[in-house]
Amino acid sequence: MSTTRILCIRHGESTYNALHEATGRDPGHIDARLSERGHAQVAAARARLRDEPFELVVTSPLTRALQTTAGIFSDHPAKPKVLVEVLHRECQESSCDIGRAASVLAREFPDFQVDHLPETWWYAEGAVGPEGWHVEPRTIFDQRVAGFREWLRARPERTIGVVGHCTFFYHLTGRWLANCESMEIDLAEEPRPRAYA
């Protein structure tokens, strides 16, 4: 049996990323969109990934990931199937990690099928934190990372692209990815945390 190739692709720079980097503070951008620089990064990734024989692309439903997926794969020569899944959404700690209702995403992104998502698909249990949003407990996040690893192992496709997020990918791979950076992972290896490259 052939080994499945899995390429993790972090979304392009978001408005949250840009302002947080500049100020060190959370700017309060719920479900942040791509910045202009982020769109340029997506265009570069689109060219770089054009010859990869993707059969499946699985994307987080956060807007910056959907925009990245659309920008890279809308006319990809391999015509991969695209799935929107919540298991690999970002670790919910900041304003940008709070999602928007599935019905809102369906209107804004009609090319993505999101009717299988619950209306509220992000973490929204218990009391909100002092910042005004829910913070996902680490135990639940760790379960999601392990669950996504198993989900990938069960897929039949030979080449899979995963469009997702920095902290989630760090816990999945052991490496921090820059905006629109991609890396191939081996699901048989346990992640070994490394410094930012």
N, C-alpha and C. Protein backbone atom coordinates (compact mmCIF):
# COMPACT_ATOMS: atom_id res chain seq x y z
N MET A 1 0.84 -1.19 0.00
CA MET A 1 0.00 0.00 0.00
C MET A 1 0.89 1.26 0.00
N SER A 2 0.55 2.21 -0.85
CA SER A 2 1.33 3.45 -0.94
C SER A 2 1.06 4.36 0.24
N THR A 3 2.06 5.12 0.61
CA THR A 3 1.92 6.09 1.70
C THR A 3 1.22 7.34 1.17
N THR A 4 0.29 7.84 1.96
CA THR A 4 -0.38 9.08 1.59
C THR A 4 0.55 10.26 1.88
N ARG A 5 0.67 11.17 0.92
CA ARG A 5 1.42 12.41 1.12
C ARG A 5 0.47 13.46 1.68
N ILE A 6 0.88 14.10 2.75
CA ILE A 6 0.07 15.14 3.38
C ILE A 6 0.89 16.40 3.46
N LEU A 7 0.39 17.47 2.85
CA LEU A 7 1.05 18.78 2.90
C LEU A 7 0.20 19.73 3.73
N CYS A 8 0.76 20.21 4.83
CA CYS A 8 0.10 21.21 5.65
C CYS A 8 0.46 22.59 5.11
N ILE A 9 -0.55 23.43 4.93
CA ILE A 9 -0.37 24.77 4.36
C ILE A 9 -1.02 25.76 5.33
N ARG A 10 -0.21 26.61 5.92
CA ARG A 10 -0.79 27.63 6.80
C ARG A 10 -1.42 28.74 5.96
N HIS A 11 -2.50 29.30 6.46
CA HIS A 11 -3.18 30.39 5.76
C HIS A 11 -2.25 31.60 5.59
N GLY A 12 -2.62 32.49 4.67
CA GLY A 12 -1.88 33.73 4.50
C GLY A 12 -2.06 34.67 5.68
N GLU A 13 -1.24 35.71 5.71
CA GLU A 13 -1.32 36.67 6.82
C GLU A 13 -2.72 37.24 6.94
N SER A 14 -3.23 37.28 8.16
CA SER A 14 -4.54 37.88 8.42
C SER A 14 -4.37 39.29 8.98
N THR A 15 -5.46 40.03 9.04
CA THR A 15 -5.42 41.35 9.65
C THR A 15 -5.04 41.23 11.12
N TYR A 16 -5.48 40.16 11.78
CA TYR A 16 -5.09 39.91 13.17
C TYR A 16 -3.57 39.72 13.26
N ASN A 17 -3.01 38.84 12.39
CA ASN A 17 -1.56 38.59 12.42
C ASN A 17 -0.78 39.89 12.29
N ALA A 18 -1.18 40.73 11.34
CA ALA A 18 -0.45 41.96 11.06
C ALA A 18 -0.48 42.90 12.27
N LEU A 19 -1.65 43.10 12.86
CA LEU A 19 -1.76 44.04 13.98
C LEU A 19 -1.16 43.46 15.25
N HIS A 20 -1.32 42.16 15.47
CA HIS A 20 -0.74 41.55 16.67
C HIS A 20 0.79 41.63 16.62
N GLU A 21 1.35 41.40 15.43
CA GLU A 21 2.80 41.48 15.28
C GLU A 21 3.29 42.91 15.52
N ALA A 22 2.52 43.89 15.08
CA ALA A 22 2.93 45.29 15.21
C ALA A 22 2.78 45.82 16.64
N THR A 23 1.77 45.32 17.37
CA THR A 23 1.45 45.92 18.67
C THR A 23 1.64 44.97 19.84
N GLY A 24 1.65 43.66 19.57
CA GLY A 24 1.71 42.69 20.67
C GLY A 24 0.39 42.49 21.38
N ARG A 25 -0.67 43.11 20.88
CA ARG A 25 -1.99 43.02 21.52
C ARG A 25 -3.00 42.37 20.58
N ASP A 26 -4.03 41.78 21.17
CA ASP A 26 -5.12 41.21 20.39
C ASP A 26 -5.99 42.37 19.89
N PRO A 27 -6.13 42.54 18.57
CA PRO A 27 -6.89 43.68 18.06
C PRO A 27 -8.41 43.47 18.06
N GLY A 28 -8.87 42.29 18.50
CA GLY A 28 -10.31 42.05 18.55
C GLY A 28 -10.93 41.79 17.20
N HIS A 29 -10.20 41.16 16.29
CA HIS A 29 -10.71 40.83 14.96
C HIS A 29 -11.33 39.43 14.98
N ILE A 30 -12.64 39.37 15.18
CA ILE A 30 -13.34 38.09 15.16
C ILE A 30 -13.25 37.49 13.76
N ASP A 31 -12.86 36.23 13.67
CA ASP A 31 -12.73 35.51 12.39
C ASP A 31 -12.02 36.39 11.35
N ALA A 32 -10.80 36.77 11.67
CA ALA A 32 -10.04 37.72 10.85
C ALA A 32 -9.91 37.27 9.39
N ARG A 33 -9.91 38.25 8.51
CA ARG A 33 -9.73 38.02 7.07
C ARG A 33 -8.26 38.17 6.70
N LEU A 34 -7.93 37.79 5.48
CA LEU A 34 -6.58 37.99 4.98
C LEU A 34 -6.29 39.49 4.81
N SER A 35 -5.06 39.85 5.10
CA SER A 35 -4.57 41.21 4.81
C SER A 35 -4.17 41.27 3.33
N GLU A 36 -3.81 42.46 2.86
CA GLU A 36 -3.31 42.57 1.48
C GLU A 36 -2.06 41.72 1.30
N ARG A 37 -1.18 41.77 2.30
CA ARG A 37 0.02 40.93 2.23
C ARG A 37 -0.35 39.45 2.21
N GLY A 38 -1.38 39.08 2.96
CA GLY A 38 -1.84 37.70 2.97
C GLY A 38 -2.30 37.25 1.60
N HIS A 39 -3.04 38.11 0.89
CA HIS A 39 -3.49 37.77 -0.47
C HIS A 39 -2.28 37.57 -1.39
N ALA A 40 -1.25 38.38 -1.23
CA ALA A 40 -0.04 38.23 -2.05
C ALA A 40 0.66 36.92 -1.72
N GLN A 41 0.70 36.55 -0.46
CA GLN A 41 1.30 35.27 -0.07
C GLN A 41 0.53 34.10 -0.67
N VAL A 42 -0.79 34.21 -0.69
CA VAL A 42 -1.62 33.16 -1.28
C VAL A 42 -1.33 33.02 -2.78
N ALA A 43 -1.17 34.15 -3.46
CA ALA A 43 -0.85 34.10 -4.90
C ALA A 43 0.48 33.39 -5.14
N ALA A 44 1.46 33.65 -4.29
CA ALA A 44 2.76 32.98 -4.42
C ALA A 44 2.63 31.48 -4.14
N ALA A 45 1.84 31.12 -3.14
CA ALA A 45 1.64 29.70 -2.81
C ALA A 45 0.88 28.99 -3.93
N ARG A 46 -0.04 29.69 -4.55
CA ARG A 46 -0.80 29.12 -5.66
C ARG A 46 0.16 28.68 -6.78
N ALA A 47 1.12 29.54 -7.10
CA ALA A 47 2.10 29.20 -8.14
C ALA A 47 3.01 28.06 -7.68
N ARG A 48 3.43 28.11 -6.43
CA ARG A 48 4.36 27.11 -5.90
C ARG A 48 3.75 25.71 -5.83
N LEU A 49 2.44 25.63 -5.56
CA LEU A 49 1.78 24.34 -5.34
C LEU A 49 1.02 23.84 -6.57
N ARG A 50 1.18 24.53 -7.69
CA ARG A 50 0.38 24.23 -8.87
C ARG A 50 0.60 22.82 -9.43
N ASP A 51 1.80 22.28 -9.28
CA ASP A 51 2.10 20.98 -9.87
C ASP A 51 1.90 19.81 -8.91
N GLU A 52 1.46 20.09 -7.69
CA GLU A 52 1.21 19.00 -6.74
C GLU A 52 -0.08 18.26 -7.13
N PRO A 53 -0.04 16.93 -7.13
CA PRO A 53 -1.22 16.16 -7.58
C PRO A 53 -2.25 15.95 -6.47
N PHE A 54 -2.74 17.02 -5.91
CA PHE A 54 -3.70 16.91 -4.81
C PHE A 54 -4.98 16.19 -5.25
N GLU A 55 -5.40 15.24 -4.45
CA GLU A 55 -6.71 14.60 -4.66
C GLU A 55 -7.75 15.20 -3.72
N LEU A 56 -7.28 15.65 -2.56
CA LEU A 56 -8.18 16.20 -1.55
C LEU A 56 -7.51 17.41 -0.91
N VAL A 57 -8.31 18.44 -0.65
CA VAL A 57 -7.88 19.57 0.16
C VAL A 57 -8.90 19.70 1.28
N VAL A 58 -8.41 19.70 2.51
CA VAL A 58 -9.29 19.87 3.67
C VAL A 58 -8.93 21.19 4.33
N THR A 59 -9.94 22.03 4.51
CA THR A 59 -9.71 23.38 5.03
C THR A 59 -10.51 23.63 6.29
N SER A 60 -9.93 24.40 7.17
CA SER A 60 -10.63 24.92 8.34
C SER A 60 -11.73 25.88 7.87
N PRO A 61 -12.82 26.01 8.64
CA PRO A 61 -13.87 26.95 8.25
C PRO A 61 -13.62 28.40 8.69
N LEU A 62 -12.48 28.68 9.32
CA LEU A 62 -12.19 30.08 9.63
C LEU A 62 -11.92 30.84 8.33
N THR A 63 -12.38 32.07 8.25
CA THR A 63 -12.40 32.82 7.00
C THR A 63 -11.03 32.91 6.34
N ARG A 64 -9.97 33.16 7.12
CA ARG A 64 -8.64 33.27 6.52
C ARG A 64 -8.20 31.98 5.84
N ALA A 65 -8.65 30.83 6.37
CA ALA A 65 -8.33 29.55 5.74
C ALA A 65 -9.17 29.34 4.48
N LEU A 66 -10.45 29.71 4.53
CA LEU A 66 -11.30 29.58 3.34
C LEU A 66 -10.79 30.48 2.21
N GLN A 67 -10.38 31.71 2.55
CA GLN A 67 -9.84 32.61 1.53
C GLN A 67 -8.55 32.04 0.94
N THR A 68 -7.71 31.45 1.79
CA THR A 68 -6.46 30.86 1.31
C THR A 68 -6.74 29.68 0.40
N THR A 69 -7.67 28.83 0.81
CA THR A 69 -8.03 27.66 0.00
C THR A 69 -8.58 28.08 -1.35
N ALA A 70 -9.48 29.06 -1.36
CA ALA A 70 -10.04 29.54 -2.62
C ALA A 70 -8.94 30.12 -3.51
N GLY A 71 -8.03 30.88 -2.91
CA GLY A 71 -6.97 31.51 -3.69
C GLY A 71 -5.99 30.53 -4.29
N ILE A 72 -5.69 29.46 -3.58
CA ILE A 72 -4.72 28.49 -4.08
C ILE A 72 -5.35 27.46 -5.01
N PHE A 73 -6.56 27.02 -4.69
CA PHE A 73 -7.09 25.82 -5.34
C PHE A 73 -8.28 26.05 -6.27
N SER A 74 -8.73 27.29 -6.46
CA SER A 74 -9.95 27.51 -7.24
C SER A 74 -9.85 26.98 -8.66
N ASP A 75 -8.65 27.04 -9.28
CA ASP A 75 -8.52 26.46 -10.63
C ASP A 75 -7.27 25.58 -10.70
N HIS A 76 -7.00 24.87 -9.61
CA HIS A 76 -5.82 24.00 -9.57
C HIS A 76 -5.96 22.90 -10.63
N PRO A 77 -4.88 22.61 -11.38
CA PRO A 77 -4.97 21.62 -12.47
C PRO A 77 -5.43 20.24 -12.02
N ALA A 78 -5.13 19.85 -10.77
CA ALA A 78 -5.52 18.51 -10.30
C ALA A 78 -7.00 18.43 -9.94
N LYS A 79 -7.69 19.58 -9.85
CA LYS A 79 -9.10 19.63 -9.49
C LYS A 79 -9.43 18.79 -8.25
N PRO A 80 -8.74 19.06 -7.13
CA PRO A 80 -8.99 18.25 -5.93
C PRO A 80 -10.37 18.49 -5.35
N LYS A 81 -10.88 17.47 -4.68
CA LYS A 81 -12.10 17.63 -3.89
C LYS A 81 -11.73 18.51 -2.70
N VAL A 82 -12.64 19.40 -2.29
CA VAL A 82 -12.38 20.28 -1.15
C VAL A 82 -13.42 20.00 -0.06
N LEU A 83 -12.93 19.73 1.15
CA LEU A 83 -13.79 19.50 2.30
C LEU A 83 -13.53 20.57 3.35
N VAL A 84 -14.59 21.10 3.94
CA VAL A 84 -14.48 22.03 5.07
C VAL A 84 -14.71 21.21 6.33
N GLU A 85 -13.73 21.18 7.21
CA GLU A 85 -13.83 20.38 8.43
C GLU A 85 -13.41 21.21 9.64
N VAL A 86 -14.02 20.91 10.80
CA VAL A 86 -13.76 21.71 12.01
C VAL A 86 -12.68 21.12 12.92
N LEU A 87 -12.31 19.88 12.74
CA LEU A 87 -11.35 19.27 13.65
C LEU A 87 -10.04 20.03 13.72
N HIS A 88 -9.60 20.59 12.60
CA HIS A 88 -8.30 21.27 12.59
C HIS A 88 -8.43 22.79 12.56
N ARG A 89 -9.54 23.32 13.07
CA ARG A 89 -9.61 24.77 13.26
C ARG A 89 -8.55 25.16 14.29
N GLU A 90 -8.28 26.46 14.39
CA GLU A 90 -7.21 26.90 15.28
C GLU A 90 -7.56 26.68 16.75
N CYS A 91 -6.52 26.51 17.57
CA CYS A 91 -6.68 26.48 19.02
C CYS A 91 -7.32 27.80 19.43
N GLN A 92 -8.47 27.74 20.08
CA GLN A 92 -9.25 28.95 20.32
C GLN A 92 -8.75 29.69 21.55
N GLU A 93 -7.91 30.69 21.30
CA GLU A 93 -7.32 31.50 22.37
C GLU A 93 -7.50 32.99 22.12
N SER A 94 -7.65 33.38 20.86
CA SER A 94 -7.64 34.79 20.48
C SER A 94 -8.93 35.14 19.73
N SER A 95 -9.15 36.44 19.54
CA SER A 95 -10.37 36.89 18.86
C SER A 95 -10.51 36.29 17.47
N CYS A 96 -9.40 36.16 16.75
CA CYS A 96 -9.46 35.68 15.36
C CYS A 96 -9.87 34.22 15.26
N ASP A 97 -9.84 33.49 16.38
CA ASP A 97 -10.17 32.07 16.37
C ASP A 97 -11.65 31.80 16.60
N ILE A 98 -12.42 32.85 16.89
CA ILE A 98 -13.86 32.72 17.03
C ILE A 98 -14.46 32.73 15.63
N GLY A 99 -15.29 31.75 15.33
CA GLY A 99 -15.84 31.63 13.98
C GLY A 99 -17.10 32.45 13.78
N ARG A 100 -17.65 32.29 12.58
CA ARG A 100 -18.95 32.87 12.26
C ARG A 100 -19.89 31.75 11.87
N ALA A 101 -21.18 32.00 12.03
CA ALA A 101 -22.19 30.96 11.82
C ALA A 101 -22.07 30.31 10.44
N ALA A 102 -22.35 29.01 10.40
CA ALA A 102 -22.28 28.27 9.14
C ALA A 102 -23.16 28.91 8.07
N SER A 103 -24.33 29.42 8.46
CA SER A 103 -25.23 30.05 7.48
C SER A 103 -24.61 31.31 6.90
N VAL A 104 -23.84 32.04 7.69
CA VAL A 104 -23.15 33.25 7.20
C VAL A 104 -22.05 32.84 6.23
N LEU A 105 -21.27 31.81 6.59
CA LEU A 105 -20.21 31.33 5.69
C LEU A 105 -20.80 30.83 4.37
N ALA A 106 -21.94 30.17 4.43
CA ALA A 106 -22.57 29.65 3.21
C ALA A 106 -22.91 30.77 2.24
N ARG A 107 -23.36 31.91 2.78
CA ARG A 107 -23.68 33.05 1.91
C ARG A 107 -22.43 33.71 1.36
N GLU A 108 -21.40 33.84 2.19
CA GLU A 108 -20.20 34.53 1.77
C GLU A 108 -19.31 33.67 0.87
N PHE A 109 -19.34 32.37 1.08
CA PHE A 109 -18.48 31.44 0.32
C PHE A 109 -19.33 30.36 -0.34
N PRO A 110 -20.11 30.72 -1.36
CA PRO A 110 -21.03 29.75 -1.96
C PRO A 110 -20.33 28.58 -2.65
N ASP A 111 -19.05 28.70 -2.95
CA ASP A 111 -18.33 27.60 -3.59
C ASP A 111 -17.89 26.52 -2.61
N PHE A 112 -18.05 26.77 -1.31
CA PHE A 112 -17.70 25.78 -0.29
C PHE A 112 -18.97 25.16 0.28
N GLN A 113 -18.95 23.86 0.47
CA GLN A 113 -20.10 23.19 1.09
C GLN A 113 -19.89 23.20 2.61
N VAL A 114 -20.79 23.87 3.32
CA VAL A 114 -20.67 23.96 4.77
C VAL A 114 -21.94 23.52 5.49
N ASP A 115 -22.90 22.94 4.73
CA ASP A 115 -24.18 22.57 5.35
C ASP A 115 -24.06 21.41 6.34
N HIS A 116 -22.93 20.74 6.37
CA HIS A 116 -22.71 19.66 7.35
C HIS A 116 -22.21 20.20 8.69
N LEU A 117 -21.84 21.48 8.73
CA LEU A 117 -21.34 22.07 9.96
C LEU A 117 -22.49 22.50 10.85
N PRO A 118 -22.33 22.36 12.18
CA PRO A 118 -23.34 22.97 13.05
C PRO A 118 -23.28 24.49 12.90
N GLU A 119 -24.36 25.17 13.23
CA GLU A 119 -24.39 26.63 13.08
C GLU A 119 -23.26 27.29 13.90
N THR A 120 -23.06 26.83 15.11
CA THR A 120 -21.94 27.27 15.94
C THR A 120 -20.95 26.11 16.00
N TRP A 121 -19.85 26.21 15.28
CA TRP A 121 -18.90 25.09 15.14
C TRP A 121 -17.60 25.33 15.91
N TRP A 122 -17.43 26.50 16.50
CA TRP A 122 -16.25 26.81 17.30
C TRP A 122 -16.58 26.50 18.77
N TYR A 123 -15.60 26.61 19.65
CA TYR A 123 -15.81 26.30 21.07
C TYR A 123 -16.61 27.42 21.72
N ALA A 124 -17.75 27.07 22.30
CA ALA A 124 -18.64 28.09 22.89
C ALA A 124 -19.33 27.55 24.14
N GLU A 125 -18.59 26.81 24.96
CA GLU A 125 -19.18 26.21 26.16
C GLU A 125 -18.76 26.98 27.41
N GLY A 126 -19.67 27.01 28.39
CA GLY A 126 -19.34 27.63 29.67
C GLY A 126 -19.29 29.16 29.58
N ALA A 127 -18.62 29.74 30.56
CA ALA A 127 -18.53 31.21 30.64
C ALA A 127 -17.44 31.74 29.71
N VAL A 128 -17.66 32.94 29.21
CA VAL A 128 -16.62 33.57 28.39
C VAL A 128 -15.49 34.04 29.30
N GLY A 129 -14.30 34.18 28.71
CA GLY A 129 -13.14 34.66 29.47
C GLY A 129 -13.17 36.16 29.62
N PRO A 130 -12.17 36.73 30.29
CA PRO A 130 -12.14 38.18 30.53
C PRO A 130 -12.07 39.01 29.26
N GLU A 131 -11.57 38.40 28.17
CA GLU A 131 -11.46 39.15 26.90
C GLU A 131 -12.80 39.27 26.19
N GLY A 132 -13.78 38.43 26.61
CA GLY A 132 -15.10 38.49 25.97
C GLY A 132 -15.39 37.33 25.05
N TRP A 133 -14.52 36.32 25.03
CA TRP A 133 -14.77 35.13 24.21
C TRP A 133 -14.35 33.88 24.98
N HIS A 134 -14.82 32.74 24.47
CA HIS A 134 -14.48 31.46 25.10
C HIS A 134 -13.05 31.06 24.73
N VAL A 135 -12.34 30.51 25.70
CA VAL A 135 -11.00 29.96 25.47
C VAL A 135 -11.11 28.44 25.58
N GLU A 136 -10.64 27.76 24.54
CA GLU A 136 -10.76 26.31 24.48
C GLU A 136 -9.82 25.63 25.48
N PRO A 137 -10.33 24.74 26.33
CA PRO A 137 -9.44 24.03 27.25
C PRO A 137 -8.42 23.18 26.50
N ARG A 138 -7.23 23.11 27.06
CA ARG A 138 -6.13 22.37 26.41
C ARG A 138 -6.48 20.90 26.18
N THR A 139 -7.20 20.30 27.12
CA THR A 139 -7.55 18.87 26.95
C THR A 139 -8.42 18.66 25.72
N ILE A 140 -9.34 19.56 25.49
CA ILE A 140 -10.22 19.44 24.31
C ILE A 140 -9.42 19.68 23.04
N PHE A 141 -8.54 20.67 23.08
CA PHE A 141 -7.69 20.93 21.91
C PHE A 141 -6.82 19.71 21.59
N ASP A 142 -6.18 19.12 22.60
CA ASP A 142 -5.33 17.95 22.37
C ASP A 142 -6.13 16.79 21.77
N GLN A 143 -7.37 16.63 22.20
CA GLN A 143 -8.23 15.59 21.63
C GLN A 143 -8.51 15.85 20.15
N ARG A 144 -8.69 17.12 19.81
CA ARG A 144 -8.91 17.47 18.40
C ARG A 144 -7.69 17.15 17.54
N VAL A 145 -6.50 17.48 18.05
CA VAL A 145 -5.27 17.20 17.30
C VAL A 145 -5.15 15.69 17.06
N ALA A 146 -5.34 14.90 18.10
CA ALA A 146 -5.26 13.44 17.97
C ALA A 146 -6.35 12.92 17.04
N GLY A 147 -7.54 13.48 17.15
CA GLY A 147 -8.64 13.05 16.29
C GLY A 147 -8.40 13.38 14.84
N PHE A 148 -7.79 14.53 14.57
CA PHE A 148 -7.50 14.89 13.18
C PHE A 148 -6.42 14.00 12.60
N ARG A 149 -5.42 13.65 13.41
CA ARG A 149 -4.38 12.73 12.95
C ARG A 149 -5.02 11.39 12.52
N GLU A 150 -5.96 10.90 13.32
CA GLU A 150 -6.64 9.64 12.97
C GLU A 150 -7.53 9.82 11.74
N TRP A 151 -8.17 10.97 11.63
CA TRP A 151 -9.03 11.25 10.47
C TRP A 151 -8.19 11.21 9.19
N LEU A 152 -7.01 11.82 9.23
CA LEU A 152 -6.12 11.80 8.06
C LEU A 152 -5.67 10.38 7.73
N ARG A 153 -5.33 9.62 8.76
CA ARG A 153 -4.87 8.24 8.53
C ARG A 153 -5.93 7.39 7.84
N ALA A 154 -7.19 7.70 8.07
CA ALA A 154 -8.30 6.91 7.51
C ALA A 154 -8.68 7.32 6.09
N ARG A 155 -8.14 8.43 5.59
CA ARG A 155 -8.52 8.90 4.26
C ARG A 155 -7.92 8.02 3.18
N PRO A 156 -8.64 7.78 2.08
CA PRO A 156 -8.13 6.93 1.00
C PRO A 156 -7.27 7.67 -0.02
N GLU A 157 -7.29 9.00 -0.01
CA GLU A 157 -6.57 9.75 -1.05
C GLU A 157 -5.07 9.59 -0.90
N ARG A 158 -4.36 9.76 -2.02
CA ARG A 158 -2.89 9.59 -2.02
C ARG A 158 -2.14 10.89 -1.73
N THR A 159 -2.72 12.04 -2.12
CA THR A 159 -2.08 13.34 -1.84
C THR A 159 -3.14 14.28 -1.28
N ILE A 160 -2.91 14.76 -0.05
CA ILE A 160 -3.88 15.59 0.65
C ILE A 160 -3.23 16.91 1.05
N GLY A 161 -3.91 18.01 0.76
CA GLY A 161 -3.50 19.31 1.25
C GLY A 161 -4.37 19.68 2.44
N VAL A 162 -3.75 20.19 3.49
CA VAL A 162 -4.48 20.62 4.69
C VAL A 162 -4.22 22.10 4.89
N VAL A 163 -5.26 22.91 4.73
CA VAL A 163 -5.12 24.36 4.93
C VAL A 163 -5.60 24.68 6.34
N GLY A 164 -4.67 25.21 7.15
CA GLY A 164 -5.02 25.42 8.54
C GLY A 164 -4.19 26.50 9.20
N HIS A 165 -3.84 26.25 10.48
CA HIS A 165 -3.42 27.32 11.38
C HIS A 165 -2.15 26.99 12.14
N CYS A 166 -1.50 28.06 12.58
CA CYS A 166 -0.17 28.00 13.19
C CYS A 166 -0.09 27.10 14.42
N THR A 167 -0.89 27.39 15.44
CA THR A 167 -0.79 26.63 16.69
C THR A 167 -1.25 25.19 16.49
N PHE A 168 -2.32 24.98 15.73
CA PHE A 168 -2.77 23.61 15.47
C PHE A 168 -1.66 22.83 14.76
N PHE A 169 -1.08 23.42 13.73
CA PHE A 169 -0.01 22.71 13.00
C PHE A 169 1.20 22.45 13.89
N TYR A 170 1.49 23.37 14.81
CA TYR A 170 2.62 23.15 15.71
C TYR A 170 2.40 21.88 16.54
N HIS A 171 1.19 21.71 17.04
CA HIS A 171 0.91 20.52 17.86
C HIS A 171 0.76 19.26 17.00
N LEU A 172 0.42 19.42 15.74
CA LEU A 172 0.34 18.27 14.83
C LEU A 172 1.71 17.86 14.31
N THR A 173 2.58 18.85 14.06
CA THR A 173 3.85 18.56 13.37
C THR A 173 5.10 18.80 14.20
N GLY A 174 4.99 19.61 15.27
CA GLY A 174 6.17 19.98 16.04
C GLY A 174 6.93 21.15 15.48
N ARG A 175 6.33 21.85 14.51
CA ARG A 175 7.03 22.97 13.87
C ARG A 175 6.07 24.13 13.64
N TRP A 176 6.57 25.35 13.90
CA TRP A 176 5.79 26.55 13.61
C TRP A 176 5.91 26.84 12.11
N LEU A 177 4.80 27.12 11.46
CA LEU A 177 4.81 27.49 10.05
C LEU A 177 4.54 28.97 9.90
N ALA A 178 5.28 29.62 9.03
CA ALA A 178 5.01 31.02 8.69
C ALA A 178 3.77 31.08 7.80
N ASN A 179 3.23 32.28 7.62
CA ASN A 179 2.04 32.43 6.77
C ASN A 179 2.30 31.91 5.37
N CYS A 180 1.44 31.04 4.91
CA CYS A 180 1.48 30.39 3.58
C CYS A 180 2.67 29.44 3.40
N GLU A 181 3.42 29.16 4.46
CA GLU A 181 4.45 28.13 4.38
C GLU A 181 3.76 26.76 4.34
N SER A 182 4.39 25.83 3.67
CA SER A 182 3.85 24.47 3.63
C SER A 182 4.94 23.48 4.00
N MET A 183 4.50 22.35 4.54
CA MET A 183 5.44 21.28 4.87
C MET A 183 4.75 19.94 4.76
N GLU A 184 5.51 18.95 4.36
CA GLU A 184 4.99 17.60 4.26
C GLU A 184 5.17 16.92 5.61
N ILE A 185 4.18 16.16 6.03
CA ILE A 185 4.28 15.48 7.32
C ILE A 185 4.13 13.98 7.16
N ASP A 186 4.70 13.26 8.11
CA ASP A 186 4.59 11.81 8.18
C ASP A 186 3.78 11.49 9.43
N LEU A 187 2.59 10.92 9.24
CA LEU A 187 1.71 10.65 10.38
C LEU A 187 2.25 9.57 11.29
N ALA A 188 3.23 8.82 10.82
CA ALA A 188 3.81 7.77 11.66
C ALA A 188 4.77 8.34 12.69
N GLU A 189 5.23 9.58 12.47
CA GLU A 189 6.18 10.20 13.39
C GLU A 189 5.44 11.05 14.42
N GLU A 190 5.88 10.98 15.65
CA GLU A 190 5.34 11.85 16.69
C GLU A 190 5.98 13.22 16.53
N PRO A 191 5.21 14.30 16.70
CA PRO A 191 5.81 15.64 16.54
C PRO A 191 6.86 15.91 17.59
N ARG A 192 7.96 16.52 17.16
CA ARG A 192 9.02 16.93 18.06
C ARG A 192 9.13 18.45 17.96
N PRO A 193 8.66 19.15 18.99
CA PRO A 193 8.63 20.63 18.93
C PRO A 193 10.01 21.21 18.62
N ARG A 194 10.00 22.17 17.69
CA ARG A 194 11.23 22.85 17.29
C ARG A 194 10.99 24.35 17.31
N ALA A 195 12.06 25.09 17.33
CA ALA A 195 11.96 26.55 17.32
C ALA A 195 11.47 27.02 15.96
N TYR A 196 10.99 28.24 15.94
CA TYR A 196 10.54 28.85 14.68
C TYR A 196 11.72 28.95 13.73
N ALA A 197 11.53 28.49 12.50
CA ALA A 197 12.64 28.48 11.52
C ALA A 197 12.80 29.86 10.90
